[in-house]
PDB file of N, CA and C in Angstrom:
ATOM      1  N   MET A   1     213.363  85.034 111.081  1.00  0.00           N
ATOM      2  CA  MET A   1     213.016  83.245 111.514  1.00  0.00           C
ATOM      3  C   MET A   1     214.450  83.050 111.594  1.00  0.00           C
ATOM      4  N   ASP A   2     214.404  82.100 113.000  1.00  0.00           N
ATOM      5  CA  ASP A   2     215.537  81.310 113.385  1.00  0.00           C
ATOM      6  C   ASP A   2     215.781  79.772 112.324  1.00  0.00           C
ATOM      7  N   GLN A   3     217.087  79.829 112.679  1.00  0.00           N
ATOM      8  CA  GLN A   3     216.961  78.570 112.001  1.00  0.00           C
ATOM      9  C   GLN A   3     218.178  77.680 112.491  1.00  0.00           C
ATOM     10  N   ILE A   4     218.394  76.059 112.604  1.00  0.00           N
ATOM     11  CA  ILE A   4     219.372  75.704 113.209  1.00  0.00           C
ATOM     12  C   ILE A   4     220.021  74.959 112.283  1.00  0.00           C
ATOM     13  N   VAL A   5     221.138  75.119 112.118  1.00  0.00           N
ATOM     14  CA  VAL A   5     222.156  74.516 110.889  1.00  0.00           C
ATOM     15  C   VAL A   5     222.979  73.184 111.547  1.00  0.00           C
ATOM     16  N   ILE A   6     223.036  72.071 111.350  1.00  0.00           N
ATOM     17  CA  ILE A   6     223.671  71.128 112.139  1.00  0.00           C
ATOM     18  C   ILE A   6     224.668  70.600 111.100  1.00  0.00           C
ATOM     19  N   ARG A   7     225.748  70.145 111.688  1.00  0.00           N
ATOM     20  CA  ARG A   7     226.938  69.748 110.764  1.00  0.00           C
ATOM     21  C   ARG A   7     227.628  68.736 111.583  1.00  0.00           C
ATOM     22  N   GLY A   8     228.002  68.066 110.976  1.00  0.00           N
ATOM     23  CA  GLY A   8     228.695  66.799 111.316  1.00  0.00           C
ATOM     24  C   GLY A   8     228.227  65.224 111.280  1.00  0.00           C
ATOM     25  N   GLY A   9     228.712  64.002 111.349  1.00  0.00           N
ATOM     26  CA  GLY A   9     228.281  63.047 110.998  1.00  0.00           C
ATOM     27  C   GLY A   9     227.537  62.502 112.051  1.00  0.00           C
ATOM     28  N   GLN A  10     227.228  63.074 113.015  1.00  0.00           N
ATOM     29  CA  GLN A  10     226.394  62.589 114.085  1.00  0.00           C
ATOM     30  C   GLN A  10     224.690  62.207 113.869  1.00  0.00           C
ATOM     31  N   ARG A  11     224.238  60.938 114.128  1.00  0.00           N
ATOM     32  CA  ARG A  11     222.687  60.824 114.089  1.00  0.00           C
ATOM     33  C   ARG A  11     221.959  61.922 115.017  1.00  0.00           C
ATOM     34  N   LEU A  12     220.867  62.523 114.833  1.00  0.00           N
ATOM     35  CA  LEU A  12     220.328  63.618 115.797  1.00  0.00           C
ATOM     36  C   LEU A  12     219.017  62.293 116.111  1.00  0.00           C
ATOM     37  N   LYS A  13     219.060  62.722 117.878  1.00  0.00           N
ATOM     38  CA  LYS A  13     218.289  61.648 118.447  1.00  0.00           C
ATOM     39  C   LYS A  13     217.951  62.639 120.079  1.00  0.00           C
ATOM     40  N   GLY A  14     216.964  61.975 120.672  1.00  0.00           N
ATOM     41  CA  GLY A  14     216.997  62.500 121.759  1.00  0.00           C
ATOM     42  C   GLY A  14     215.255  63.071 122.201  1.00  0.00           C
ATOM     43  N   ARG A  15     215.552  63.916 123.482  1.00  0.00           N
ATOM     44  CA  ARG A  15     213.900  64.363 123.883  1.00  0.00           C
ATOM     45  C   ARG A  15     213.960  65.566 123.885  1.00  0.00           C
ATOM     46  N   ILE A  16     213.157  66.454 123.601  1.00  0.00           N
ATOM     47  CA  ILE A  16     213.134  68.305 123.495  1.00  0.00           C
ATOM     48  C   ILE A  16     211.838  68.136 124.522  1.00  0.00           C
ATOM     49  N   PRO A  17     211.980  69.094 125.697  1.00  0.00           N
ATOM     50  CA  PRO A  17     210.805  69.570 125.945  1.00  0.00           C
ATOM     51  C   PRO A  17     210.202  70.649 125.490  1.00  0.00           C
ATOM     52  N   ILE A  18     209.293  71.062 125.076  1.00  0.00           N
ATOM     53  CA  ILE A  18     208.504  72.061 124.175  1.00  0.00           C
ATOM     54  C   ILE A  18     207.472  72.579 124.979  1.00  0.00           C
ATOM     55  N   SER A  19     206.753  73.490 125.135  1.00  0.00           N
ATOM     56  CA  SER A  19     205.839  74.404 125.729  1.00  0.00           C
ATOM     57  C   SER A  19     204.748  73.815 124.698  1.00  0.00           C
ATOM     58  N   GLY A  20     203.382  73.782 125.568  1.00  0.00           N
ATOM     59  CA  GLY A  20     202.269  72.963 125.099  1.00  0.00           C
ATOM     60  C   GLY A  20     201.285  74.493 124.223  1.00  0.00           C
ATOM     61  N   ALA A  21     202.175  75.445 123.848  1.00  0.00           N
ATOM     62  CA  ALA A  21     201.562  76.746 123.385  1.00  0.00           C
ATOM     63  C   ALA A  21     201.365  76.452 121.947  1.00  0.00           C
ATOM     64  N   LYS A  22     200.203  76.945 121.863  1.00  0.00           N
ATOM     65  CA  LYS A  22     199.479  77.213 120.204  1.00  0.00           C
ATOM     66  C   LYS A  22     200.660  77.191 119.118  1.00  0.00           C
ATOM     67  N   ASN A  23     201.516  78.142 119.220  1.00  0.00           N
ATOM     68  CA  ASN A  23     202.423  78.239 118.256  1.00  0.00           C
ATOM     69  C   ASN A  23     203.523  77.182 117.971  1.00  0.00           C
ATOM     70  N   ALA A  24     203.906  76.541 119.372  1.00  0.00           N
ATOM     71  CA  ALA A  24     204.750  75.371 119.380  1.00  0.00           C
ATOM     72  C   ALA A  24     203.987  74.276 118.267  1.00  0.00           C
ATOM     73  N   ALA A  25     202.832  73.977 118.785  1.00  0.00           N
ATOM     74  CA  ALA A  25     202.351  73.030 118.368  1.00  0.00           C
ATOM     75  C   ALA A  25     202.051  73.133 116.705  1.00  0.00           C
ATOM     76  N   LEU A  26     201.715  74.158 116.237  1.00  0.00           N
ATOM     77  CA  LEU A  26     201.450  74.372 114.545  1.00  0.00           C
ATOM     78  C   LEU A  26     202.586  74.069 114.128  1.00  0.00           C
ATOM     79  N   THR A  27     203.915  74.764 114.706  1.00  0.00           N
ATOM     80  CA  THR A  27     205.252  74.844 113.924  1.00  0.00           C
ATOM     81  C   THR A  27     205.748  72.983 114.194  1.00  0.00           C
ATOM     82  N   LEU A  28     205.381  72.166 114.783  1.00  0.00           N
ATOM     83  CA  LEU A  28     205.780  71.080 115.167  1.00  0.00           C
ATOM     84  C   LEU A  28     205.310  69.879 114.239  1.00  0.00           C
ATOM     85  N   LEU A  29     204.083  70.384 113.868  1.00  0.00           N
ATOM     86  CA  LEU A  29     203.203  69.448 113.004  1.00  0.00           C
ATOM     87  C   LEU A  29     203.709  68.846 112.002  1.00  0.00           C
ATOM     88  N   PRO A  30     204.100  70.135 111.214  1.00  0.00           N
ATOM     89  CA  PRO A  30     204.446  69.999 109.539  1.00  0.00           C
ATOM     90  C   PRO A  30     205.567  69.417 109.547  1.00  0.00           C
ATOM     91  N   CYS A  31     206.842  69.876 110.922  1.00  0.00           N
ATOM     92  CA  CYS A  31     208.354  69.089 110.844  1.00  0.00           C
ATOM     93  C   CYS A  31     207.949  67.841 111.042  1.00  0.00           C
ATOM     94  N   ALA A  32     207.008  67.303 111.700  1.00  0.00           N
ATOM     95  CA  ALA A  32     206.916  66.103 111.945  1.00  0.00           C
ATOM     96  C   ALA A  32     207.037  65.179 110.714  1.00  0.00           C
ATOM     97  N   LEU A  33     206.537  65.662 109.725  1.00  0.00           N
ATOM     98  CA  LEU A  33     206.252  64.901 108.614  1.00  0.00           C
ATOM     99  C   LEU A  33     207.716  64.729 107.613  1.00  0.00           C
ATOM    100  N   LEU A  34     208.902  65.587 108.289  1.00  0.00           N
ATOM    101  CA  LEU A  34     210.256  65.089 107.572  1.00  0.00           C
ATOM    102  C   LEU A  34     210.728  63.862 108.035  1.00  0.00           C
ATOM    103  N   THR A  35     210.484  63.412 109.073  1.00  0.00           N
ATOM    104  CA  THR A  35     211.074  61.979 109.409  1.00  0.00           C
ATOM    105  C   THR A  35     210.618  60.517 109.268  1.00  0.00           C
ATOM    106  N   ASP A  36     211.226  59.628 108.869  1.00  0.00           N
ATOM    107  CA  ASP A  36     210.619  58.413 108.698  1.00  0.00           C
ATOM    108  C   ASP A  36     210.855  57.705 110.094  1.00  0.00           C
ATOM    109  N   GLU A  37     211.141  58.458 111.017  1.00  0.00           N
ATOM    110  CA  GLU A  37     211.280  57.542 112.251  1.00  0.00           C
ATOM    111  C   GLU A  37     210.168  57.650 113.523  1.00  0.00           C
ATOM    112  N   PRO A  38     209.880  57.111 114.211  1.00  0.00           N
ATOM    113  CA  PRO A  38     208.375  56.960 115.244  1.00  0.00           C
ATOM    114  C   PRO A  38     208.483  58.360 115.643  1.00  0.00           C
ATOM    115  N   LEU A  39     207.732  59.046 115.726  1.00  0.00           N
ATOM    116  CA  LEU A  39     207.729  60.480 116.602  1.00  0.00           C
ATOM    117  C   LEU A  39     206.250  60.622 117.422  1.00  0.00           C
ATOM    118  N   THR A  40     206.503  60.957 118.643  1.00  0.00           N
ATOM    119  CA  THR A  40     205.399  60.897 119.840  1.00  0.00           C
ATOM    120  C   THR A  40     205.610  62.662 119.887  1.00  0.00           C
ATOM    121  N   LEU A  41     204.126  63.111 119.849  1.00  0.00           N
ATOM    122  CA  LEU A  41     204.134  64.638 120.322  1.00  0.00           C
ATOM    123  C   LEU A  41     203.003  64.588 121.625  1.00  0.00           C
ATOM    124  N   ARG A  42     203.409  64.904 122.748  1.00  0.00           N
ATOM    125  CA  ARG A  42     202.519  65.195 123.818  1.00  0.00           C
ATOM    126  C   ARG A  42     202.329  66.262 124.244  1.00  0.00           C
ATOM    127  N   ASN A  43     201.513  67.094 124.809  1.00  0.00           N
ATOM    128  CA  ASN A  43     201.056  68.060 125.647  1.00  0.00           C
ATOM    129  C   ASN A  43     200.920  69.027 124.690  1.00  0.00           C
ATOM    130  N   LEU A  44     199.964  68.386 123.324  1.00  0.00           N
ATOM    131  CA  LEU A  44     199.739  69.636 122.650  1.00  0.00           C
ATOM    132  C   LEU A  44     198.081  70.169 122.973  1.00  0.00           C
ATOM    133  N   PRO A  45     198.206  71.188 122.641  1.00  0.00           N
ATOM    134  CA  PRO A  45     196.722  71.867 123.102  1.00  0.00           C
ATOM    135  C   PRO A  45     195.775  71.510 122.029  1.00  0.00           C
ATOM    136  N   ARG A  46     194.712  71.348 122.691  1.00  0.00           N
ATOM    137  CA  ARG A  46     193.180  71.234 121.896  1.00  0.00           C
ATOM    138  C   ARG A  46     192.696  72.234 120.984  1.00  0.00           C
ATOM    139  N   LEU A  47     193.188  72.467 120.127  1.00  0.00           N
ATOM    140  CA  LEU A  47     192.457  73.553 119.044  1.00  0.00           C
ATOM    141  C   LEU A  47     192.119  73.130 117.832  1.00  0.00           C
ATOM    142  N   ALA A  48     191.407  73.937 117.219  1.00  0.00           N
ATOM    143  CA  ALA A  48     190.735  73.625 115.986  1.00  0.00           C
ATOM    144  C   ALA A  48     191.641  73.094 114.645  1.00  0.00           C
ATOM    145  N   ASP A  49     192.894  74.529 115.091  1.00  0.00           N
ATOM    146  CA  ASP A  49     193.788  74.242 113.801  1.00  0.00           C
ATOM    147  C   ASP A  49     194.482  72.954 114.149  1.00  0.00           C
ATOM    148  N   VAL A  50     194.824  72.252 115.547  1.00  0.00           N
ATOM    149  CA  VAL A  50     195.414  70.799 115.285  1.00  0.00           C
ATOM    150  C   VAL A  50     194.534  69.735 115.207  1.00  0.00           C
ATOM    151  N   ASP A  51     193.139  69.943 116.048  1.00  0.00           N
ATOM    152  CA  ASP A  51     192.348  68.773 115.521  1.00  0.00           C
ATOM    153  C   ASP A  51     191.852  68.637 114.096  1.00  0.00           C
ATOM    154  N   GLY A  52     192.189  69.820 113.365  1.00  0.00           N
ATOM    155  CA  GLY A  52     191.487  69.886 111.948  1.00  0.00           C
ATOM    156  C   GLY A  52     191.566  68.386 111.375  1.00  0.00           C
TER     157      GLY A  52
END
């Protein structure tokens, strides 16, 4: 599995375009729980796994 290691005192922010693939959506949903900031996910596929 790949990982991103972030070093430095800069706050992370911005926009990242992600494909609407099922695997991208299923990875991003639990990651969204790690932030206290507002988060908008768009272009998610309509799947039973996502709508659950």
